[in-house]
Structure formats: C-alpha cells, structure tokens
N, C-alpha and C. Protein backbone atom coordinates (compact mmCIF):
# COMPACT_ATOMS: atom_id res chain seq x y z
N MET A 1 30.60 26.71 16.40
CA MET A 1 30.04 26.39 14.99
C MET A 1 30.97 25.49 14.40
N SER A 2 30.16 24.39 13.80
CA SER A 2 31.02 23.19 13.12
C SER A 2 31.46 23.64 11.78
N SER A 3 32.70 23.27 11.40
CA SER A 3 33.13 23.42 10.09
C SER A 3 33.09 22.27 9.26
N VAL A 4 32.14 21.29 9.60
CA VAL A 4 32.00 20.09 8.89
C VAL A 4 30.93 20.19 7.98
N ASP A 5 31.16 19.73 6.52
CA ASP A 5 29.98 20.11 5.65
C ASP A 5 29.24 18.68 5.48
N TYR A 6 28.19 18.57 6.31
CA TYR A 6 27.38 17.47 6.38
C TYR A 6 26.70 17.10 5.09
N ALA A 7 26.32 18.19 4.38
CA ALA A 7 25.70 18.16 3.03
C ALA A 7 26.40 17.34 2.22
N ALA A 8 27.86 17.61 2.06
CA ALA A 8 28.69 16.90 1.33
C ALA A 8 29.12 15.51 1.45
N MET A 9 28.65 14.97 2.70
CA MET A 9 28.66 13.61 3.05
C MET A 9 27.75 12.57 2.58
N SER A 10 28.18 11.39 2.22
CA SER A 10 27.08 10.64 1.82
C SER A 10 26.34 10.14 3.09
N TYR A 11 25.20 9.38 2.94
CA TYR A 11 24.42 9.11 3.85
C TYR A 11 25.29 8.15 5.03
N GLN A 12 25.93 7.22 4.26
CA GLN A 12 26.93 6.25 5.19
C GLN A 12 27.97 7.15 5.83
N GLU A 13 28.54 7.91 5.15
CA GLU A 13 29.69 8.67 5.79
C GLU A 13 29.13 9.62 6.88
N LEU A 14 27.94 10.29 6.74
CA LEU A 14 27.23 10.96 7.85
C LEU A 14 27.01 10.24 8.93
N ARG A 15 26.61 8.92 8.70
CA ARG A 15 26.22 8.04 9.67
C ARG A 15 27.48 7.68 10.62
N ARG A 16 28.60 7.50 9.78
CA ARG A 16 29.85 7.00 10.55
C ARG A 16 30.27 8.20 11.28
N TYR A 17 30.17 9.40 10.82
CA TYR A 17 30.72 10.56 11.47
C TYR A 17 29.90 10.73 12.80
N PHE A 18 28.70 10.62 12.81
CA PHE A 18 27.76 10.92 13.84
C PHE A 18 28.26 9.74 14.91
N LEU A 19 28.35 8.54 14.47
CA LEU A 19 28.50 7.61 15.50
C LEU A 19 29.98 7.72 16.20
N THR A 20 30.77 8.29 15.62
CA THR A 20 32.07 8.54 16.28
C THR A 20 32.10 9.98 16.87
N HIS A 21 31.13 10.62 16.62
CA HIS A 21 31.11 12.30 17.28
C HIS A 21 29.88 12.38 17.90
N ARG A 22 29.39 11.49 18.75
CA ARG A 22 27.96 11.62 19.16
C ARG A 22 27.65 12.89 20.07
N ASP A 23 28.79 13.83 20.43
CA ASP A 23 28.28 14.99 21.29
C ASP A 23 28.18 16.14 20.14
N ASP A 24 28.22 15.71 18.70
CA ASP A 24 28.00 16.93 17.74
C ASP A 24 26.45 16.92 17.42
N ASP A 25 25.95 17.80 18.20
CA ASP A 25 24.48 18.00 17.75
C ASP A 25 24.10 18.20 16.43
N ALA A 26 24.75 19.12 15.86
CA ALA A 26 24.67 19.36 14.38
C ALA A 26 24.72 18.25 13.49
N ALA A 27 25.58 17.31 13.69
CA ALA A 27 25.80 16.25 13.12
C ALA A 27 24.56 15.32 13.27
N PHE A 28 23.96 15.18 14.51
CA PHE A 28 22.88 14.40 14.82
C PHE A 28 21.43 14.86 14.02
N GLN A 29 21.40 16.28 14.10
CA GLN A 29 20.29 16.88 13.37
C GLN A 29 20.32 16.52 11.84
N ALA A 30 21.59 16.82 11.16
CA ALA A 30 21.82 16.36 9.88
C ALA A 30 21.45 15.08 9.58
N TYR A 31 21.93 14.03 10.46
CA TYR A 31 21.57 12.54 10.21
C TYR A 31 20.10 12.34 10.33
N LEU A 32 19.33 13.02 11.33
CA LEU A 32 18.03 12.72 11.39
C LEU A 32 17.26 13.14 10.06
N ALA A 33 17.64 14.36 9.63
CA ALA A 33 16.99 15.03 8.41
C ALA A 33 17.11 13.99 7.23
N ARG A 34 18.49 13.61 7.26
CA ARG A 34 18.82 12.69 5.99
C ARG A 34 18.09 11.57 6.15
N ARG A 35 17.99 10.90 7.32
CA ARG A 35 17.31 9.79 7.52
C ARG A 35 15.73 9.89 7.14
N ARG A 36 15.16 11.05 7.34
CA ARG A 36 13.71 11.28 7.22
C ARG A 36 13.66 11.30 5.75
N GLU A 37 14.41 11.85 5.04
CA GLU A 37 14.31 11.91 3.38
C GLU A 37 14.32 10.60 2.95
N ARG A 38 14.95 9.55 3.51
CA ARG A 38 15.18 8.22 2.98
C ARG A 38 13.96 7.44 3.49
N SER A 39 13.36 7.76 4.31
CA SER A 39 12.19 6.80 4.75
C SER A 39 11.13 6.65 3.75
N ARG A 40 10.50 5.44 3.93
CA ARG A 40 9.41 5.24 2.99
C ARG A 40 8.15 5.22 3.86
N PRO A 41 7.05 5.46 3.27
CA PRO A 41 5.68 5.51 4.04
C PRO A 41 5.30 3.86 4.13
N VAL A 42 4.59 3.72 5.19
CA VAL A 42 3.89 2.24 5.45
C VAL A 42 2.74 2.35 4.47
N ILE A 43 2.74 1.19 3.55
CA ILE A 43 1.72 1.06 2.61
C ILE A 43 0.39 0.49 3.16
N THR A 44 0.72 -0.45 3.96
CA THR A 44 -0.46 -1.49 4.30
C THR A 44 0.13 -2.16 5.66
N THR A 45 -0.89 -2.96 6.25
CA THR A 45 -0.46 -3.78 7.31
C THR A 45 -0.86 -5.23 6.88
N ILE A 46 -0.43 -6.23 7.72
CA ILE A 46 -0.70 -7.48 7.38
C ILE A 46 -2.10 -8.05 7.46
N ASN A 47 -2.94 -7.40 8.31
CA ASN A 47 -4.36 -7.83 8.51
C ASN A 47 -5.23 -6.96 7.64
N ASP A 48 -4.63 -6.09 6.87
CA ASP A 48 -5.60 -5.17 5.87
C ASP A 48 -6.29 -5.95 4.78
N PRO A 49 -7.63 -5.79 4.78
CA PRO A 49 -8.34 -6.73 3.73
C PRO A 49 -7.76 -6.27 2.26
N ASP A 50 -7.45 -5.05 2.15
CA ASP A 50 -6.92 -4.76 0.72
C ASP A 50 -5.44 -4.78 0.60
N PHE A 51 -4.90 -5.75 1.47
CA PHE A 51 -3.42 -5.97 1.42
C PHE A 51 -2.86 -6.23 0.01
N ASP A 52 -3.33 -7.20 -0.79
CA ASP A 52 -2.95 -7.45 -2.04
C ASP A 52 -2.93 -6.19 -2.92
N SER A 53 -4.01 -5.78 -3.06
CA SER A 53 -4.16 -4.55 -3.99
C SER A 53 -3.36 -3.37 -3.81
N LYS A 54 -3.27 -3.03 -2.46
CA LYS A 54 -2.41 -2.03 -2.05
C LYS A 54 -0.82 -2.38 -2.63
N ILE A 55 -0.36 -3.47 -2.29
CA ILE A 55 0.92 -3.77 -2.60
C ILE A 55 1.21 -3.77 -4.13
N GLN A 56 0.08 -4.27 -4.85
CA GLN A 56 0.25 -4.18 -6.32
C GLN A 56 0.27 -2.89 -6.77
N ALA A 57 -0.62 -2.03 -6.20
CA ALA A 57 -0.65 -0.58 -6.42
C ALA A 57 0.61 -0.01 -6.35
N ALA A 58 1.44 -0.43 -5.08
CA ALA A 58 2.61 0.26 -4.70
C ALA A 58 3.78 -0.17 -5.78
N ILE A 59 3.64 -1.44 -6.18
CA ILE A 59 4.71 -2.03 -7.02
C ILE A 59 4.50 -1.36 -8.52
N ARG A 60 3.23 -1.07 -8.88
CA ARG A 60 2.99 -0.50 -10.11
C ARG A 60 3.59 1.00 -10.14
N GLN A 61 3.39 1.66 -8.95
CA GLN A 61 3.76 3.03 -8.86
C GLN A 61 5.38 3.03 -8.88
N GLN A 62 6.05 2.38 -8.16
CA GLN A 62 7.51 2.08 -8.18
C GLN A 62 7.95 1.84 -9.58
N MET A 63 7.39 0.96 -10.13
CA MET A 63 7.81 0.75 -11.79
C MET A 63 7.76 1.71 -12.76
N ALA A 64 6.63 2.52 -12.40
CA ALA A 64 6.24 3.68 -13.37
C ALA A 64 7.35 4.73 -12.84
N GLU A 65 7.63 5.04 -11.62
CA GLU A 65 8.71 6.07 -11.15
C GLU A 65 10.10 5.61 -11.85
N TYR A 66 10.36 4.37 -11.54
CA TYR A 66 11.72 3.75 -12.16
C TYR A 66 11.70 4.07 -13.61
N GLN A 67 10.64 3.73 -14.35
CA GLN A 67 10.66 3.95 -15.89
C GLN A 67 10.86 5.34 -16.31
N SER A 68 10.27 6.33 -15.42
CA SER A 68 10.35 7.60 -15.94
C SER A 68 11.52 8.39 -15.36
N GLY A 69 12.50 7.65 -14.49
CA GLY A 69 13.68 8.01 -14.13
C GLY A 69 13.63 8.92 -12.86
N LYS A 70 12.49 8.82 -12.05
CA LYS A 70 12.43 9.43 -10.79
C LYS A 70 12.83 8.70 -9.52
N SER A 71 12.97 7.35 -9.74
CA SER A 71 13.42 6.44 -8.79
C SER A 71 14.89 7.08 -8.13
N THR A 72 15.05 6.93 -6.70
CA THR A 72 16.25 7.24 -6.14
C THR A 72 17.06 6.04 -5.70
C-alpha cells in the first residue's frame, strides 16, 4: 500500500509524480481520475450545421457560470 497522498497533490504535481513513478498503479489511477474530472465535453464538430449556435450557447453558458462563481 502506498503512503503517498495523491489527493493532496495538484494536477501538475500528480502528473510529474506519475511520470517519474510509472510502476505505481495507484498513482496512475489517481491521475486518470483527476484527468477525467478536468476533461470537457465535445460541443460540436466542424461540419455540424448548427456549429455557430452551439458555440454561442456554450460561450453564454460559460459566461453565466463564471459570473455566478461556478467556474473552475
């Protein structure tokens, strides 16, 4: 069992730790979980006929979240 506290590490610290300790499976799992938390959904594709409206809606949503203090 590892005595390393992955939750206390920043994303960058965890990434660096994993890259230098590639045999640490718990570090790998913690890194993947943290990475999933940071991922953003795909809004649209370049060939989508509603590309502009989807991008504008996403921008409005992000602005509203930022103004309400929910942005990360």
